[in-house]
PDB file of N, CA and C in Angstrom:
ATOM      1  N   MET A   1      81.049  77.284  66.980  1.00  0.00           N
ATOM      2  CA  MET A   1      82.425  78.007  67.294  1.00  0.00           C
ATOM      3  C   MET A   1      82.174  79.341  67.675  1.00  0.00           C
ATOM      4  N   THR A   2      82.887  79.793  68.639  1.00  0.00           N
ATOM      5  CA  THR A   2      82.911  81.310  69.097  1.00  0.00           C
ATOM      6  C   THR A   2      84.139  81.917  68.614  1.00  0.00           C
ATOM      7  N   ALA A   3      83.865  83.117  68.179  1.00  0.00           N
ATOM      8  CA  ALA A   3      84.913  83.882  67.820  1.00  0.00           C
ATOM      9  C   ALA A   3      85.821  84.433  68.794  1.00  0.00           C
ATOM     10  N   GLU A   4      87.076  84.484  68.779  1.00  0.00           N
ATOM     11  CA  GLU A   4      87.809  84.945  69.948  1.00  0.00           C
ATOM     12  C   GLU A   4      87.926  86.430  69.976  1.00  0.00           C
ATOM     13  N   LEU A   5      87.559  87.039  71.061  1.00  0.00           N
ATOM     14  CA  LEU A   5      87.782  88.420  71.378  1.00  0.00           C
ATOM     15  C   LEU A   5      89.286  88.831  71.039  1.00  0.00           C
ATOM     16  N   PRO A   6      89.475  90.176  70.462  1.00  0.00           N
ATOM     17  CA  PRO A   6      90.810  90.779  70.590  1.00  0.00           C
ATOM     18  C   PRO A   6      91.351  90.945  71.835  1.00  0.00           C
ATOM     19  N   THR A   7      92.725  90.947  71.961  1.00  0.00           N
ATOM     20  CA  THR A   7      93.238  91.205  73.260  1.00  0.00           C
ATOM     21  C   THR A   7      94.236  92.461  73.098  1.00  0.00           C
ATOM     22  N   PHE A   8      94.653  92.872  74.159  1.00  0.00           N
ATOM     23  CA  PHE A   8      95.640  93.821  74.182  1.00  0.00           C
ATOM     24  C   PHE A   8      96.651  93.656  75.429  1.00  0.00           C
ATOM     25  N   THR A   9      97.783  94.425  75.533  1.00  0.00           N
ATOM     26  CA  THR A   9      98.650  94.131  76.656  1.00  0.00           C
ATOM     27  C   THR A   9      98.666  95.467  77.609  1.00  0.00           C
ATOM     28  N   LEU A  10      98.587  95.270  78.856  1.00  0.00           N
ATOM     29  CA  LEU A  10      98.916  96.401  79.791  1.00  0.00           C
ATOM     30  C   LEU A  10     100.017  95.639  80.826  1.00  0.00           C
ATOM     31  N   THR A  11     100.464  96.498  81.657  1.00  0.00           N
ATOM     32  CA  THR A  11     101.451  95.856  82.632  1.00  0.00           C
ATOM     33  C   THR A  11     100.985  96.333  84.181  1.00  0.00           C
ATOM     34  N   PHE A  12     101.195  95.274  84.933  1.00  0.00           N
ATOM     35  CA  PHE A  12     101.096  95.616  86.408  1.00  0.00           C
ATOM     36  C   PHE A  12     102.487  95.270  87.120  1.00  0.00           C
ATOM     37  N   GLU A  13     102.887  96.237  87.670  1.00  0.00           N
ATOM     38  CA  GLU A  13     104.205  96.323  88.414  1.00  0.00           C
ATOM     39  C   GLU A  13     105.312  95.891  87.380  1.00  0.00           C
ATOM     40  N   GLY A  14     105.089  96.206  86.183  1.00  0.00           N
ATOM     41  CA  GLY A  14     106.009  95.786  85.180  1.00  0.00           C
ATOM     42  C   GLY A  14     105.888  94.425  84.362  1.00  0.00           C
ATOM     43  N   ARG A  15     104.867  93.633  85.088  1.00  0.00           N
ATOM     44  CA  ARG A  15     104.485  92.350  84.439  1.00  0.00           C
ATOM     45  C   ARG A  15     103.599  92.380  83.473  1.00  0.00           C
ATOM     46  N   PRO A  16     103.756  92.122  82.000  1.00  0.00           N
ATOM     47  CA  PRO A  16     102.727  92.194  81.228  1.00  0.00           C
ATOM     48  C   PRO A  16     101.415  91.277  81.438  1.00  0.00           C
ATOM     49  N   LEU A  17     100.398  91.930  81.137  1.00  0.00           N
ATOM     50  CA  LEU A  17      99.038  91.143  81.381  1.00  0.00           C
ATOM     51  C   LEU A  17      98.154  91.501  79.823  1.00  0.00           C
ATOM     52  N   THR A  18      97.376  90.375  79.696  1.00  0.00           N
ATOM     53  CA  THR A  18      96.446  90.464  78.472  1.00  0.00           C
ATOM     54  C   THR A  18      95.193  90.712  79.086  1.00  0.00           C
ATOM     55  N   ALA A  19      94.618  91.795  78.324  1.00  0.00           N
ATOM     56  CA  ALA A  19      93.115  92.198  78.739  1.00  0.00           C
ATOM     57  C   ALA A  19      92.398  92.181  77.476  1.00  0.00           C
ATOM     58  N   ARG A  20      90.930  92.346  77.554  1.00  0.00           N
ATOM     59  CA  ARG A  20      90.168  92.449  76.470  1.00  0.00           C
ATOM     60  C   ARG A  20      89.227  93.610  76.352  1.00  0.00           C
ATOM     61  N   PRO A  21      88.861  94.178  75.193  1.00  0.00           N
ATOM     62  CA  PRO A  21      87.930  95.405  75.190  1.00  0.00           C
ATOM     63  C   PRO A  21      86.956  95.284  76.051  1.00  0.00           C
ATOM     64  N   GLY A  22      86.651  96.245  76.879  1.00  0.00           N
ATOM     65  CA  GLY A  22      85.518  96.364  77.762  1.00  0.00           C
ATOM     66  C   GLY A  22      85.725  95.955  79.151  1.00  0.00           C
ATOM     67  N   GLN A  23      86.834  95.260  79.479  1.00  0.00           N
ATOM     68  CA  GLN A  23      87.186  94.982  80.755  1.00  0.00           C
ATOM     69  C   GLN A  23      87.715  96.214  81.584  1.00  0.00           C
ATOM     70  N   SER A  24      87.348  96.084  82.777  1.00  0.00           N
ATOM     71  CA  SER A  24      87.904  97.165  83.757  1.00  0.00           C
ATOM     72  C   SER A  24      89.216  96.672  84.083  1.00  0.00           C
ATOM     73  N   VAL A  25      90.009  97.581  84.717  1.00  0.00           N
ATOM     74  CA  VAL A  25      91.425  97.277  85.192  1.00  0.00           C
ATOM     75  C   VAL A  25      91.241  96.188  86.195  1.00  0.00           C
ATOM     76  N   ALA A  26      90.358  96.294  87.006  1.00  0.00           N
ATOM     77  CA  ALA A  26      90.142  95.091  88.033  1.00  0.00           C
ATOM     78  C   ALA A  26      89.919  93.956  87.401  1.00  0.00           C
ATOM     79  N   ALA A  27      89.111  93.871  86.593  1.00  0.00           N
ATOM     80  CA  ALA A  27      88.594  92.484  85.897  1.00  0.00           C
ATOM     81  C   ALA A  27      90.029  91.830  85.134  1.00  0.00           C
ATOM     82  N   ALA A  28      90.660  92.775  84.638  1.00  0.00           N
ATOM     83  CA  ALA A  28      92.116  92.364  83.674  1.00  0.00           C
ATOM     84  C   ALA A  28      93.061  91.697  84.862  1.00  0.00           C
ATOM     85  N   LEU A  29      93.000  92.368  85.998  1.00  0.00           N
ATOM     86  CA  LEU A  29      93.926  91.931  87.135  1.00  0.00           C
ATOM     87  C   LEU A  29      93.403  90.639  87.769  1.00  0.00           C
ATOM     88  N   THR A  30      92.008  90.606  87.844  1.00  0.00           N
ATOM     89  CA  THR A  30      91.544  89.201  88.363  1.00  0.00           C
ATOM     90  C   THR A  30      91.573  88.180  87.403  1.00  0.00           C
ATOM     91  N   ASP A  31      91.377  88.508  86.086  1.00  0.00           N
ATOM     92  CA  ASP A  31      91.665  87.326  85.135  1.00  0.00           C
ATOM     93  C   ASP A  31      93.211  86.863  85.043  1.00  0.00           C
ATOM     94  N   ALA A  32      94.056  87.611  85.502  1.00  0.00           N
ATOM     95  CA  ALA A  32      95.523  87.324  85.643  1.00  0.00           C
ATOM     96  C   ALA A  32      95.921  86.551  86.850  1.00  0.00           C
ATOM     97  N   GLY A  33      94.896  86.440  87.805  1.00  0.00           N
ATOM     98  CA  GLY A  33      95.104  85.801  88.913  1.00  0.00           C
ATOM     99  C   GLY A  33      95.679  86.834  90.044  1.00  0.00           C
ATOM    100  N   ILE A  34      95.536  88.025  89.900  1.00  0.00           N
ATOM    101  CA  ILE A  34      95.957  89.021  90.862  1.00  0.00           C
ATOM    102  C   ILE A  34      94.830  89.473  91.608  1.00  0.00           C
ATOM    103  N   ARG A  35      94.796  89.208  92.919  1.00  0.00           N
ATOM    104  CA  ARG A  35      93.619  89.387  93.687  1.00  0.00           C
ATOM    105  C   ARG A  35      93.696  90.540  94.826  1.00  0.00           C
ATOM    106  N   ALA A  36      94.777  91.111  94.885  1.00  0.00           N
ATOM    107  CA  ALA A  36      95.149  92.176  95.793  1.00  0.00           C
ATOM    108  C   ALA A  36      96.150  92.946  95.470  1.00  0.00           C
ATOM    109  N   TRP A  37      96.042  94.226  95.329  1.00  0.00           N
ATOM    110  CA  TRP A  37      97.220  95.182  94.895  1.00  0.00           C
ATOM    111  C   TRP A  37      97.405  96.359  95.778  1.00  0.00           C
ATOM    112  N   ARG A  38      96.791  96.230  96.807  1.00  0.00           N
ATOM    113  CA  ARG A  38      97.141  97.249  98.080  1.00  0.00           C
ATOM    114  C   ARG A  38      96.893  96.578  99.321  1.00  0.00           C
ATOM    115  N   ALA A  39      97.315  97.222 100.517  1.00  0.00           N
ATOM    116  CA  ALA A  39      96.997  96.908 101.799  1.00  0.00           C
ATOM    117  C   ALA A  39      96.434  97.904 102.686  1.00  0.00           C
ATOM    118  N   THR A  40      95.832  97.367 103.651  1.00  0.00           N
ATOM    119  CA  THR A  40      95.175  98.321 104.675  1.00  0.00           C
ATOM    120  C   THR A  40      96.282  98.958 105.549  1.00  0.00           C
ATOM    121  N   ARG A  41      95.970 100.162 106.093  1.00  0.00           N
ATOM    122  CA  ARG A  41      96.809 100.898 107.009  1.00  0.00           C
ATOM    123  C   ARG A  41      96.808 100.087 108.355  1.00  0.00           C
ATOM    124  N   GLY A  42      97.938 100.073 108.870  1.00  0.00           N
ATOM    125  CA  GLY A  42      98.006  99.335 110.345  1.00  0.00           C
ATOM    126  C   GLY A  42      98.291  97.828 110.005  1.00  0.00           C
ATOM    127  N   GLU A  43      97.236  97.181 109.895  1.00  0.00           N
ATOM    128  CA  GLU A  43      97.527  95.631 109.858  1.00  0.00           C
ATOM    129  C   GLU A  43      98.017  95.297 108.546  1.00  0.00           C
ATOM    130  N   GLY A  44      97.844  95.977 107.502  1.00  0.00           N
ATOM    131  CA  GLY A  44      98.404  95.553 106.273  1.00  0.00           C
ATOM    132  C   GLY A  44      97.668  94.467 105.427  1.00  0.00           C
ATOM    133  N   ALA A  45      96.503  94.272 105.724  1.00  0.00           N
ATOM    134  CA  ALA A  45      95.487  93.270 105.106  1.00  0.00           C
ATOM    135  C   ALA A  45      95.457  93.474 103.695  1.00  0.00           C
ATOM    136  N   PRO A  46      95.485  92.649 102.863  1.00  0.00           N
ATOM    137  CA  PRO A  46      95.208  92.778 101.451  1.00  0.00           C
ATOM    138  C   PRO A  46      94.015  93.193 100.948  1.00  0.00           C
ATOM    139  N   ARG A  47      94.158  94.055  99.889  1.00  0.00           N
ATOM    140  CA  ARG A  47      92.780  94.577  99.332  1.00  0.00           C
ATOM    141  C   ARG A  47      92.853  94.553  97.964  1.00  0.00           C
ATOM    142  N   GLY A  48      91.792  94.314  97.368  1.00  0.00           N
ATOM    143  CA  GLY A  48      91.517  94.414  95.797  1.00  0.00           C
ATOM    144  C   GLY A  48      90.200  94.526  95.413  1.00  0.00           C
ATOM    145  N   LEU A  49      89.647  93.885  94.596  1.00  0.00           N
ATOM    146  CA  LEU A  49      88.119  93.994  94.058  1.00  0.00           C
ATOM    147  C   LEU A  49      87.392  93.620  95.274  1.00  0.00           C
ATOM    148  N   PHE A  50      86.210  94.397  95.747  1.00  0.00           N
ATOM    149  CA  PHE A  50      85.453  93.836  96.563  1.00  0.00           C
ATOM    150  C   PHE A  50      84.018  94.280  96.129  1.00  0.00           C
ATOM    151  N   CYS A  51      83.517  95.502  95.984  1.00  0.00           N
ATOM    152  CA  CYS A  51      82.271  95.799  95.641  1.00  0.00           C
ATOM    153  C   CYS A  51      82.002  95.820  94.028  1.00  0.00           C
ATOM    154  N   GLY A  52      82.872  96.179  93.384  1.00  0.00           N
ATOM    155  CA  GLY A  52      82.894  96.219  91.897  1.00  0.00           C
ATOM    156  C   GLY A  52      82.242  97.275  91.315  1.00  0.00           C
ATOM    157  N   ILE A  53      81.621  98.245  92.074  1.00  0.00           N
ATOM    158  CA  ILE A  53      80.781  99.176  91.562  1.00  0.00           C
ATOM    159  C   ILE A  53      81.514 100.687  91.892  1.00  0.00           C
ATOM    160  N   GLY A  54      82.647 100.741  92.446  1.00  0.00           N
ATOM    161  CA  GLY A  54      83.080 102.062  92.844  1.00  0.00           C
ATOM    162  C   GLY A  54      82.618 102.738  94.191  1.00  0.00           C
ATOM    163  N   VAL A  55      82.072 101.804  95.000  1.00  0.00           N
ATOM    164  CA  VAL A  55      81.662 102.595  96.312  1.00  0.00           C
ATOM    165  C   VAL A  55      82.443 102.364  97.496  1.00  0.00           C
ATOM    166  N   CYS A  56      83.204 101.330  97.561  1.00  0.00           N
ATOM    167  CA  CYS A  56      83.951 100.727  98.708  1.00  0.00           C
ATOM    168  C   CYS A  56      85.459 101.374  98.682  1.00  0.00           C
ATOM    169  N   TYR A  57      85.986 101.663  97.544  1.00  0.00           N
ATOM    170  CA  TYR A  57      87.343 102.250  97.420  1.00  0.00           C
ATOM    171  C   TYR A  57      88.307 101.291  97.814  1.00  0.00           C
ATOM    172  N   ASP A  58      88.112  99.753  97.993  1.00  0.00           N
ATOM    173  CA  ASP A  58      89.045  98.930  98.405  1.00  0.00           C
ATOM    174  C   ASP A  58      89.985  98.625  97.072  1.00  0.00           C
ATOM    175  N   CYS A  59      89.722  98.999  95.853  1.00  0.00           N
ATOM    176  CA  CYS A  59      90.402  98.517  94.609  1.00  0.00           C
ATOM    177  C   CYS A  59      91.307  99.770  94.245  1.00  0.00           C
ATOM    178  N   LEU A  60      91.688 100.773  95.059  1.00  0.00           N
ATOM    179  CA  LEU A  60      92.510 101.750  94.481  1.00  0.00           C
ATOM    180  C   LEU A  60      93.816 101.413  93.977  1.00  0.00           C
ATOM    181  N   ILE A  61      94.178 101.922  92.830  1.00  0.00           N
ATOM    182  CA  ILE A  61      95.463 101.567  92.163  1.00  0.00           C
ATOM    183  C   ILE A  61      96.054 102.787  91.576  1.00  0.00           C
ATOM    184  N   THR A  62      97.311 102.771  91.222  1.00  0.00           N
ATOM    185  CA  THR A  62      97.798 103.932  90.366  1.00  0.00           C
ATOM    186  C   THR A  62      97.845 103.405  88.819  1.00  0.00           C
ATOM    187  N   VAL A  63      97.335 104.308  87.992  1.00  0.00           N
ATOM    188  CA  VAL A  63      97.203 104.023  86.583  1.00  0.00           C
ATOM    189  C   VAL A  63      97.804 104.985  85.844  1.00  0.00           C
ATOM    190  N   ASP A  64      98.921 104.713  85.131  1.00  0.00           N
ATOM    191  CA  ASP A  64      99.809 105.530  84.380  1.00  0.00           C
ATOM    192  C   ASP A  64     100.269 106.771  85.222  1.00  0.00           C
ATOM    193  N   GLY A  65     100.718 106.469  86.575  1.00  0.00           N
ATOM    194  CA  GLY A  65     101.141 107.492  87.389  1.00  0.00           C
ATOM    195  C   GLY A  65     100.018 108.257  88.147  1.00  0.00           C
ATOM    196  N   ARG A  66      98.892 108.112  87.836  1.00  0.00           N
ATOM    197  CA  ARG A  66      97.688 108.751  88.526  1.00  0.00           C
ATOM    198  C   ARG A  66      97.380 107.897  89.673  1.00  0.00           C
ATOM    199  N   PRO A  67      97.653 108.147  90.930  1.00  0.00           N
ATOM    200  CA  PRO A  67      97.272 107.503  92.101  1.00  0.00           C
ATOM    201  C   PRO A  67      95.710 107.469  92.510  1.00  0.00           C
ATOM    202  N   ALA A  68      95.397 106.555  93.301  1.00  0.00           N
ATOM    203  CA  ALA A  68      93.973 106.481  93.883  1.00  0.00           C
ATOM    204  C   ALA A  68      92.849 106.405  92.920  1.00  0.00           C
ATOM    205  N   GLN A  69      93.227 105.714  91.853  1.00  0.00           N
ATOM    206  CA  GLN A  69      92.059 105.327  90.810  1.00  0.00           C
ATOM    207  C   GLN A  69      91.328 104.083  91.312  1.00  0.00           C
ATOM    208  N   ARG A  70      90.109 104.048  91.126  1.00  0.00           N
ATOM    209  CA  ARG A  70      89.156 102.817  91.360  1.00  0.00           C
ATOM    210  C   ARG A  70      89.378 101.927  90.308  1.00  0.00           C
ATOM    211  N   ALA A  71      90.110 100.892  90.390  1.00  0.00           N
ATOM    212  CA  ALA A  71      90.455  99.767  89.470  1.00  0.00           C
ATOM    213  C   ALA A  71      89.034  99.201  88.860  1.00  0.00           C
ATOM    214  N   CYS A  72      87.962  99.108  89.522  1.00  0.00           N
ATOM    215  CA  CYS A  72      86.733  98.670  89.012  1.00  0.00           C
ATOM    216  C   CYS A  72      85.892  99.518  88.049  1.00  0.00           C
ATOM    217  N   LEU A  73      86.269 100.676  88.141  1.00  0.00           N
ATOM    218  CA  LEU A  73      85.651 101.758  87.324  1.00  0.00           C
ATOM    219  C   LEU A  73      86.537 102.068  86.096  1.00  0.00           C
ATOM    220  N   VAL A  74      87.730 102.005  86.054  1.00  0.00           N
ATOM    221  CA  VAL A  74      88.855 102.444  84.960  1.00  0.00           C
ATOM    222  C   VAL A  74      88.870 101.403  83.922  1.00  0.00           C
ATOM    223  N   PRO A  75      88.533 101.603  82.727  1.00  0.00           N
ATOM    224  CA  PRO A  75      88.361 100.723  81.595  1.00  0.00           C
ATOM    225  C   PRO A  75      90.041 100.503  81.181  1.00  0.00           C
ATOM    226  N   ALA A  76      90.203  99.294  81.144  1.00  0.00           N
ATOM    227  CA  ALA A  76      91.624  98.754  80.670  1.00  0.00           C
ATOM    228  C   ALA A  76      91.838  99.268  79.236  1.00  0.00           C
ATOM    229  N   ALA A  77      93.310  99.544  79.109  1.00  0.00           N
ATOM    230  CA  ALA A  77      93.602 100.059  77.740  1.00  0.00           C
ATOM    231  C   ALA A  77      94.975  99.677  77.262  1.00  0.00           C
ATOM    232  N   GLU A  78      95.166  99.549  76.222  1.00  0.00           N
ATOM    233  CA  GLU A  78      96.422  99.056  75.545  1.00  0.00           C
ATOM    234  C   GLU A  78      97.578  99.901  76.142  1.00  0.00           C
ATOM    235  N   GLY A  79      98.647  99.375  76.728  1.00  0.00           N
ATOM    236  CA  GLY A  79      99.849  99.992  77.089  1.00  0.00           C
ATOM    237  C   GLY A  79      99.762 100.657  78.468  1.00  0.00           C
ATOM    238  N   MET A  80      98.595 100.447  79.222  1.00  0.00           N
ATOM    239  CA  MET A  80      98.440 101.045  80.305  1.00  0.00           C
ATOM    240  C   MET A  80      99.589 100.475  81.477  1.00  0.00           C
ATOM    241  N   ALA A  81     100.010 101.391  82.225  1.00  0.00           N
ATOM    242  CA  ALA A  81     100.880 101.010  83.260  1.00  0.00           C
ATOM    243  C   ALA A  81     100.216 100.940  84.761  1.00  0.00           C
ATOM    244  N   LEU A  82     100.175  99.841  85.470  1.00  0.00           N
ATOM    245  CA  LEU A  82      99.322  99.840  86.740  1.00  0.00           C
ATOM    246  C   LEU A  82     100.513  99.578  87.779  1.00  0.00           C
ATOM    247  N   THR A  83     100.335 100.179  88.791  1.00  0.00           N
ATOM    248  CA  THR A  83     101.104  99.757  90.061  1.00  0.00           C
ATOM    249  C   THR A  83     100.181  99.853  91.251  1.00  0.00           C
ATOM    250  N   GLY A  84     100.517  98.970  92.255  1.00  0.00           N
ATOM    251  CA  GLY A  84      99.740  98.849  93.571  1.00  0.00           C
ATOM    252  C   GLY A  84     100.057 100.054  94.480  1.00  0.00           C
ATOM    253  N   ALA A  85      99.304 100.191  95.323  1.00  0.00           N
ATOM    254  CA  ALA A  85      99.492 101.314  96.243  1.00  0.00           C
ATOM    255  C   ALA A  85     100.964 101.018  97.134  1.00  0.00           C
ATOM    256  N   PRO A  86     101.599 101.905  97.414  1.00  0.00           N
ATOM    257  CA  PRO A  86     102.833 101.871  98.317  1.00  0.00           C
ATOM    258  C   PRO A  86     102.406 101.150  99.545  1.00  0.00           C
ATOM    259  N   PRO A  87     103.377 100.655 100.196  1.00  0.00           N
ATOM    260  CA  PRO A  87     103.012  99.948 101.607  1.00  0.00           C
ATOM    261  C   PRO A  87     102.511 101.007 102.497  1.00  0.00           C
ATOM    262  N   PRO A  88     101.498 100.391 103.165  1.00  0.00           N
ATOM    263  CA  PRO A  88     100.720 101.366 104.066  1.00  0.00           C
ATOM    264  C   PRO A  88     101.605 101.969 105.118  1.00  0.00           C
ATOM    265  N   LEU A  89     101.266 103.194 105.544  1.00  0.00           N
ATOM    266  CA  LEU A  89     101.887 103.798 106.725  1.00  0.00           C
ATOM    267  C   LEU A  89     101.311 103.156 108.033  1.00  0.00           C
ATOM    268  N   PRO A  90     102.113 103.127 109.054  1.00  0.00           N
ATOM    269  CA  PRO A  90     101.862 102.549 110.356  1.00  0.00           C
ATOM    270  C   PRO A  90     100.740 103.529 110.868  1.00  0.00           C
ATOM    271  N   ARG A  91      99.974 103.021 111.734  1.00  0.00           N
ATOM    272  CA  ARG A  91      98.962 103.793 112.584  1.00  0.00           C
ATOM    273  C   ARG A  91      99.662 104.739 113.528  1.00  0.00           C
ATOM    274  N   PRO A  92      99.240 106.011 113.816  1.00  0.00           N
ATOM    275  CA  PRO A  92     100.071 106.786 114.807  1.00  0.00           C
ATOM    276  C   PRO A  92      99.848 106.145 116.027  1.00  0.00           C
ATOM    277  N   SER A  93     100.899 106.451 116.932  1.00  0.00           N
ATOM    278  CA  SER A  93     101.019 105.873 118.255  1.00  0.00           C
ATOM    279  C   SER A  93      99.737 106.065 119.021  1.00  0.00           C
ATOM    280  N   GLY A  94      99.182 104.992 119.565  1.00  0.00           N
ATOM    281  CA  GLY A  94      97.854 105.208 120.406  1.00  0.00           C
ATOM    282  C   GLY A  94      96.557 105.276 119.630  1.00  0.00           C
ATOM    283  N   ALA A  95      96.670 105.084 118.332  1.00  0.00           N
ATOM    284  CA  ALA A  95      95.409 105.243 117.426  1.00  0.00           C
ATOM    285  C   ALA A  95      94.231 104.119 117.767  1.00  0.00           C
ATOM    286  N   ASP A  96      94.947 102.953 118.360  1.00  0.00           N
ATOM    287  CA  ASP A  96      93.997 101.803 118.693  1.00  0.00           C
ATOM    288  C   ASP A  96      93.607 101.840 119.963  1.00  0.00           C
ATOM    289  N   GLU A  97      93.933 102.638 120.844  1.00  0.00           N
ATOM    290  CA  GLU A  97      93.659 102.682 122.286  1.00  0.00           C
ATOM    291  C   GLU A  97      92.468 103.320 122.623  1.00  0.00           C
ATOM    292  N   GLY A  98      91.825 104.003 121.726  1.00  0.00           N
ATOM    293  CA  GLY A  98      90.428 104.576 121.943  1.00  0.00           C
ATOM    294  C   GLY A  98      90.589 105.895 122.612  1.00  0.00           C
ATOM    295  N   ASN A  99      91.692 106.616 122.590  1.00  0.00           N
ATOM    296  CA  ASN A  99      91.971 107.848 123.179  1.00  0.00           C
ATOM    297  C   ASN A  99      91.309 108.830 122.355  1.00  0.00           C
ATOM    298  N   ALA A 100      90.707 109.886 122.991  1.00  0.00           N
ATOM    299  CA  ALA A 100      90.061 110.981 122.164  1.00  0.00           C
ATOM    300  C   ALA A 100      90.874 112.239 122.534  1.00  0.00           C
ATOM    301  N   SER A 101      92.124 112.231 122.728  1.00  0.00           N
ATOM    302  CA  SER A 101      92.952 113.100 123.067  1.00  0.00           C
ATOM    303  C   SER A 101      93.356 114.106 121.804  1.00  0.00           C
TER     304      SER A 101
END
């Protein structure tokens, strides 16, 4: 028989989630079935955990009001409030046309 690890609660967009000591924010979100919490600029493609080591910045999230935190590096904590990134801004006009003006 294995002992159950203790759990605690944090929230994502106001929804309560259960996490375990030692988990990153990204791991807690993934365990809860949340795979994306921001979108790319322009196309709005979903983004979440990718590299898992803080290099790619795909997992940026707002933690307790602090924006642009890497979810894969932030340890989950009791009572933490997580929010996804705001909707992406549209690309500037002509940005995809290859103009160097």
